[in-house]
């Protein structure tokens, strides 16, 4: 059975006339009749009955026509996907990212990209560090922003696009809230609001406290930056969050103080599968992301936002 036979069969079924179908297909009437006859012989059934000057599908022909139409439509979609794969101005970019980047960075970056590439679609998938690695390796996503950048994973490759500082956050009335910078050791007697196990920021904060000479006492755990911020602002403890997570404001805001002993940072990387060529549309977005981080000093923007927040809290 050939796809051409299915194509001719469906067209005759739609037109109910061989001559009209042949004209629309731009082939000879005899060619259409021959393909339909061969298809009926292969299937061992009659697909059409003569009704006056027209043809009518038999009951089994109606059943077969539904399947044939579905096959041809799926083939058409597959061809379209291949064409979009090869066109940097079409298609879909599938991106994975952690929650902490979804509040500000990802929406802003995608909006900037779509100004020049308005026809590109995006499919987003949020996840924790292990699931982001799995999604990239399995092909569930084309690219993934991840933190920290994986140093030992031979199944993915990529680039560090940003090294971001973590700030100490504390209730607005905390004795250290007005300081420009503190040593992390100054928080050794405080209770900490930490990310739940499995979130990449938890070991970063934990290891920094150990380096500062103490084991953090955990009072609450959360899974989103907004939860951590809110609990700290409400007086439930202190924590460390990335600059980026403190860029937007809400009614309940913690105080932000820079930590200098030790300076606590996290890396943010953009990863992809090893030895696999990205779709052209994903290649275009990948190149855009690298330029975006080169041209935008995100660290300075975050620091400016932090300074503004501190000044506002002092005025209050």
Protein backbone atom coordinates (compact mmCIF):
# COMPACT_ATOMS: atom_id res chain seq x y z
CA UNK A 1 0.00 0.00 0.00
CA UNK A 2 1.34 3.42 -0.98
CA UNK A 3 0.63 6.86 0.44
CA UNK A 4 -0.30 7.99 -3.07
CA UNK A 5 -3.12 5.42 -3.09
CA UNK A 6 -4.45 6.78 0.22
CA UNK A 7 -4.19 10.33 -1.05
CA UNK A 8 -6.12 9.50 -4.24
CA UNK A 9 -8.69 7.46 -2.33
CA UNK A 10 -9.45 10.27 0.16
CA UNK A 11 -9.73 12.83 -2.64
CA UNK A 12 -12.21 10.65 -4.58
CA UNK A 13 -14.19 10.09 -1.37
CA UNK A 14 -14.38 13.86 -0.84
CA UNK A 15 -15.36 14.69 -4.42
CA UNK A 16 -17.46 11.53 -4.99
CA UNK A 17 -16.23 11.71 -8.58
CA UNK A 18 -13.05 10.38 -10.19
CA UNK A 19 -12.84 13.08 -12.87
CA UNK A 20 -13.16 15.94 -10.38
CA UNK A 21 -10.64 14.31 -8.06
CA UNK A 22 -8.18 13.84 -10.94
CA UNK A 23 -8.53 17.50 -11.93
CA UNK A 24 -7.79 18.69 -8.40
CA UNK A 25 -4.86 16.28 -8.11
CA UNK A 26 -3.54 17.37 -11.52
CA UNK A 27 -3.22 13.79 -12.76
CA UNK A 28 -4.96 11.71 -15.41
CA UNK A 29 -8.34 10.20 -14.60
CA UNK A 30 -7.02 6.76 -15.59
CA UNK A 31 -4.21 7.07 -13.02
CA UNK A 32 -6.69 7.75 -10.23
CA UNK A 33 -8.96 4.87 -11.31
CA UNK A 34 -5.99 2.51 -11.48
CA UNK A 35 -4.77 3.41 -7.96
CA UNK A 36 -8.25 2.97 -6.48
CA UNK A 37 -8.62 -0.41 -8.20
CA UNK A 38 -5.22 -1.59 -6.92
CA UNK A 39 -6.13 -0.46 -3.39
CA UNK A 40 -9.41 -2.39 -3.48
CA UNK A 41 -7.60 -5.50 -4.72
CA UNK A 42 -5.01 -5.25 -1.96
CA UNK A 43 -7.68 -4.83 0.73
CA UNK A 44 -10.00 -7.42 -0.83
CA UNK A 45 -13.08 -5.17 -0.49
CA UNK A 46 -15.10 -2.70 -2.55
CA UNK A 47 -14.52 0.85 -1.32
CA UNK A 48 -16.97 2.61 -3.69
CA UNK A 49 -20.34 1.93 -5.27
CA UNK A 50 -21.56 3.66 -8.42
CA UNK A 51 -24.53 5.94 -7.74
CA UNK A 52 -25.59 7.66 -10.93
CA UNK A 53 -22.65 9.69 -12.15
CA UNK A 54 -21.07 9.80 -8.70
CA UNK A 55 -19.32 7.34 -6.44
CA UNK A 56 -20.44 6.54 -2.92
CA UNK A 57 -18.38 4.97 -0.16
CA UNK A 58 -19.42 1.51 0.98
CA UNK A 59 -19.76 0.98 4.76
CA UNK A 60 -16.26 -0.52 4.90
CA UNK A 61 -15.08 2.32 2.64
CA UNK A 62 -16.41 4.86 5.16
CA UNK A 63 -14.51 3.10 7.95
CA UNK A 64 -11.30 2.97 5.93
CA UNK A 65 -11.68 6.61 4.86
CA UNK A 66 -11.69 7.82 8.47
CA UNK A 67 -8.42 5.99 9.15
CA UNK A 68 -6.84 7.16 5.89
CA UNK A 69 -7.72 10.79 6.61
CA UNK A 70 -6.20 10.52 10.08
CA UNK A 71 -2.99 9.02 8.63
CA UNK A 72 -2.65 11.77 6.02
CA UNK A 73 -3.30 14.51 8.58
CA UNK A 74 -0.69 13.07 10.92
CA UNK A 75 1.77 12.89 8.02
CA UNK A 76 1.03 16.52 7.16
CA UNK A 77 1.68 17.54 10.77
CA UNK A 78 4.94 15.61 10.77
CA UNK A 79 6.10 17.36 7.60
CA UNK A 80 5.16 20.71 9.15
CA UNK A 81 7.17 19.89 12.28
CA UNK A 82 10.21 19.04 10.17
CA UNK A 83 9.88 22.32 8.28
CA UNK A 84 9.57 24.22 11.56
CA UNK A 85 12.58 22.35 12.90
CA UNK A 86 14.62 23.72 10.00
CA UNK A 87 13.22 27.26 10.20
CA UNK A 88 14.63 29.51 12.95
CA UNK A 89 11.60 31.80 12.71
CA UNK A 90 9.03 29.06 13.33
CA UNK A 91 8.57 26.11 15.60
CA UNK A 92 8.70 25.70 19.34
CA UNK A 93 11.44 26.08 21.92
CA UNK A 94 11.10 23.73 24.91
CA UNK A 95 12.74 25.18 28.02
CA UNK A 96 13.20 23.84 31.53
CA UNK A 97 14.05 26.05 34.50
CA UNK A 98 13.92 26.17 38.31
CA UNK A 99 11.16 28.08 40.04
CA UNK A 100 13.51 30.83 41.23
CA UNK A 101 14.08 31.94 37.62
CA UNK A 102 10.44 31.83 36.61
CA UNK A 103 9.28 34.89 38.51
CA UNK A 104 11.35 37.50 36.68
CA UNK A 105 14.17 36.34 34.41
CA UNK A 106 12.46 33.83 32.10
CA UNK A 107 9.37 35.97 31.32
CA UNK A 108 11.52 39.05 30.67
CA UNK A 109 13.98 37.15 28.46
CA UNK A 110 11.28 35.42 26.40
CA UNK A 111 9.39 38.69 25.90
CA UNK A 112 12.60 40.31 24.65
CA UNK A 113 13.25 37.40 22.26
CA UNK A 114 9.73 37.49 20.82
CA UNK A 115 10.12 41.12 19.81
CA UNK A 116 12.37 39.91 16.99
CA UNK A 117 10.91 36.42 16.60
CA UNK A 118 7.13 36.82 17.10
CA UNK A 119 6.17 33.51 15.47
CA UNK A 120 8.24 31.30 17.75
CA UNK A 121 6.28 29.35 20.36
CA UNK A 122 7.54 28.25 23.77
CA UNK A 123 6.80 25.29 25.99
CA UNK A 124 7.94 25.68 29.60
CA UNK A 125 8.64 23.06 32.23
CA UNK A 126 9.65 23.90 35.78
CA UNK A 127 11.58 21.44 37.90
CA UNK A 128 14.21 20.80 40.54
CA UNK A 129 17.85 20.13 39.75
CA UNK A 130 17.63 16.32 39.19
CA UNK A 131 14.48 16.52 37.08
CA UNK A 132 15.94 19.27 34.88
CA UNK A 133 18.94 17.06 34.12
CA UNK A 134 16.63 14.16 33.32
CA UNK A 135 14.42 16.28 31.08
CA UNK A 136 17.41 17.43 29.03
CA UNK A 137 18.90 13.92 28.74
CA UNK A 138 15.56 12.35 27.77
CA UNK A 139 14.80 15.04 25.18
CA UNK A 140 11.76 16.33 27.06
CA UNK A 141 13.23 19.84 26.72
CA UNK A 142 15.74 21.34 24.28
CA UNK A 143 17.46 23.62 26.77
CA UNK A 144 17.37 24.07 30.53
CA UNK A 145 18.47 26.81 32.87
CA UNK A 146 19.92 25.14 35.93
CA UNK A 147 21.59 26.11 39.19
CA UNK A 148 24.23 25.27 40.11
CA UNK A 149 25.84 24.51 36.77
CA UNK A 150 26.56 20.73 36.67
CA UNK A 151 30.30 20.14 36.68
CA UNK A 152 30.17 16.34 36.55
CA UNK A 153 27.56 15.09 34.08
CA UNK A 154 28.85 13.67 30.82
CA UNK A 155 25.35 13.58 29.29
CA UNK A 156 24.87 17.35 29.12
CA UNK A 157 26.96 20.31 28.07
CA UNK A 158 26.49 24.04 28.23
CA UNK A 159 27.69 27.35 29.60
CA UNK A 160 27.62 29.28 32.85
CA UNK A 161 25.64 32.41 31.98
CA UNK A 162 25.59 34.08 35.39
CA UNK A 163 27.24 33.88 38.81
CA UNK A 164 24.81 35.43 41.25
CA UNK A 165 25.32 36.58 44.83
CA UNK A 166 23.05 35.41 47.64
CA UNK A 167 21.93 38.00 50.18
CA UNK A 168 20.97 37.53 53.80
CA UNK A 169 17.31 38.29 54.41
CA UNK A 170 15.78 38.94 57.83
CA UNK A 171 12.71 40.52 59.41
CA UNK A 172 12.57 44.32 58.89
CA UNK A 173 12.96 44.93 62.65
CA UNK A 174 16.02 42.66 63.01
CA UNK A 175 19.03 44.35 64.73
CA UNK A 176 21.19 43.73 61.64
CA UNK A 177 18.59 44.93 59.13
CA UNK A 178 20.19 48.35 58.71
CA UNK A 179 23.70 47.06 58.02
CA UNK A 180 25.26 47.36 54.58
CA UNK A 181 27.02 44.01 54.97
CA UNK A 182 27.47 41.31 57.59
CA UNK A 183 29.49 38.18 58.23
CA UNK A 184 27.42 35.03 57.92
CA UNK A 185 28.70 34.00 61.33
CA UNK A 186 26.63 36.83 62.82
CA UNK A 187 23.54 34.71 62.06
CA UNK A 188 24.77 31.58 63.87
CA UNK A 189 22.28 31.96 66.74
CA UNK A 190 19.32 32.58 64.41
CA UNK A 191 16.82 30.05 63.13
CA UNK A 192 16.80 29.61 59.37
CA UNK A 193 13.99 29.32 56.85
CA UNK A 194 15.39 26.89 54.28
CA UNK A 195 14.36 25.35 51.01
CA UNK A 196 13.13 21.78 51.26
CA UNK A 197 15.54 18.91 50.50
CA UNK A 198 16.03 18.44 46.76
CA UNK A 199 16.16 22.15 45.97
CA UNK A 200 19.59 23.30 44.82
CA UNK A 201 19.66 26.44 47.02
CA UNK A 202 19.46 24.37 50.20
CA UNK A 203 22.96 22.80 50.01
CA UNK A 204 24.43 26.16 48.91
CA UNK A 205 23.11 27.87 52.03
CA UNK A 206 23.91 24.88 54.26
CA UNK A 207 27.49 24.61 53.03
CA UNK A 208 28.02 28.36 53.45
CA UNK A 209 26.92 28.15 57.09
CA UNK A 210 29.27 25.21 57.71
CA UNK A 211 32.09 27.22 56.13
CA UNK A 212 31.21 30.09 58.47
CA UNK A 213 31.65 27.75 61.45
CA UNK A 214 28.13 26.74 62.46
CA UNK A 215 25.30 24.35 61.59
CA UNK A 216 22.09 26.21 60.78
CA UNK A 217 19.05 25.54 62.95
CA UNK A 218 16.04 25.15 60.67
CA UNK A 219 12.70 26.49 61.82
CA UNK A 220 10.68 26.25 58.60
CA UNK A 221 11.11 24.78 55.11
CA UNK A 222 9.56 25.93 51.86
CA UNK A 223 9.55 25.18 48.15
CA UNK A 224 9.21 28.65 46.60
CA UNK A 225 11.17 31.86 46.97
CA UNK A 226 7.98 33.80 47.74
CA UNK A 227 7.29 31.44 50.66
CA UNK A 228 10.80 31.88 52.05
CA UNK A 229 10.57 35.68 51.70
CA UNK A 230 7.16 35.82 53.33
CA UNK A 231 8.09 33.65 56.30
CA UNK A 232 11.25 35.67 56.94
CA UNK A 233 9.42 38.98 56.63
CA UNK A 234 6.84 37.69 59.13
CA UNK A 235 9.59 37.05 61.69
CA UNK A 236 9.91 33.27 61.35
CA UNK A 237 13.70 33.32 60.94
CA UNK A 238 16.44 34.39 58.53
CA UNK A 239 17.63 32.99 55.22
CA UNK A 240 19.78 33.56 52.14
CA UNK A 241 18.24 34.18 48.75
CA UNK A 242 19.65 35.11 45.32
CA UNK A 243 19.56 38.73 44.23
CA UNK A 244 17.20 37.77 41.43
CA UNK A 245 14.61 36.42 43.87
CA UNK A 246 14.49 39.83 45.56
CA UNK A 247 13.95 41.97 42.47
CA UNK A 248 10.17 42.28 42.78
CA UNK A 249 8.36 43.63 45.82
CA UNK A 250 5.25 42.62 47.73
CA UNK A 251 3.35 43.91 50.77
CA UNK A 252 5.40 41.81 53.19
CA UNK A 253 9.10 42.41 52.50
CA UNK A 254 12.17 41.16 54.40
CA UNK A 255 15.26 43.30 54.91
CA UNK A 256 18.19 42.45 52.63
CA UNK A 257 21.83 42.59 53.72
CA UNK A 258 24.93 41.61 51.79
CA UNK A 259 27.04 38.74 53.17
CA UNK A 260 30.80 39.22 52.82
CA UNK A 261 32.33 36.48 55.02
CA UNK A 262 32.02 34.22 53.12
CA UNK A 263 30.54 35.67 49.93
CA UNK A 264 27.84 33.19 48.94
CA UNK A 265 27.09 32.70 45.26
CA UNK A 266 25.35 30.33 42.91
CA UNK A 267 26.04 29.62 39.25
CA UNK A 268 23.27 29.59 36.68
CA UNK A 269 23.94 27.54 33.57
CA UNK A 270 22.19 26.83 30.29
CA UNK A 271 22.52 23.16 29.39
CA UNK A 272 21.68 20.92 26.43
CA UNK A 273 22.25 17.31 25.43
CA UNK A 274 25.76 16.26 24.50
CA UNK A 275 26.46 15.48 20.82
CA UNK A 276 22.94 16.33 19.64
CA UNK A 277 22.11 19.17 17.26
CA UNK A 278 19.40 21.51 18.48
CA UNK A 279 16.49 22.50 16.22
CA UNK A 280 17.32 25.73 14.41
CA UNK A 281 14.73 27.65 16.41
CA UNK A 282 16.34 26.42 19.66
CA UNK A 283 19.78 27.30 18.29
CA UNK A 284 18.53 30.82 17.63
CA UNK A 285 17.20 31.14 21.18
CA UNK A 286 20.43 29.68 22.62
CA UNK A 287 22.51 32.31 20.81
CA UNK A 288 20.09 35.01 21.97
CA UNK A 289 20.44 33.92 25.62
CA UNK A 290 24.24 34.12 25.50
CA UNK A 291 24.08 37.61 23.97
CA UNK A 292 21.42 38.63 26.50
CA UNK A 293 23.63 37.86 29.48
CA UNK A 294 26.61 39.53 27.83
CA UNK A 295 24.67 42.73 27.16
CA UNK A 296 22.68 42.93 30.41
CA UNK A 297 24.55 43.40 33.67
CA UNK A 298 22.00 41.48 35.70
CA UNK A 299 24.13 41.55 38.83
CA UNK A 300 24.20 45.35 38.87
CA UNK A 301 20.46 45.51 38.21
CA UNK A 302 19.82 43.21 41.14
CA UNK A 303 22.19 45.17 43.40
CA UNK A 304 20.45 48.41 42.44
CA UNK A 305 17.12 46.85 43.31
CA UNK A 306 18.49 45.65 46.65
CA UNK A 307 19.90 49.10 47.48
CA UNK A 308 16.53 50.65 46.67
CA UNK A 309 14.76 48.12 48.93
CA UNK A 310 17.16 48.78 51.82
CA UNK A 311 16.73 52.53 51.47
CA UNK A 312 12.96 52.11 51.44
CA UNK A 313 13.02 49.95 54.59
CA UNK A 314 15.20 52.53 56.37
CA UNK A 315 12.74 55.32 55.50
CA UNK A 316 9.94 53.27 56.98
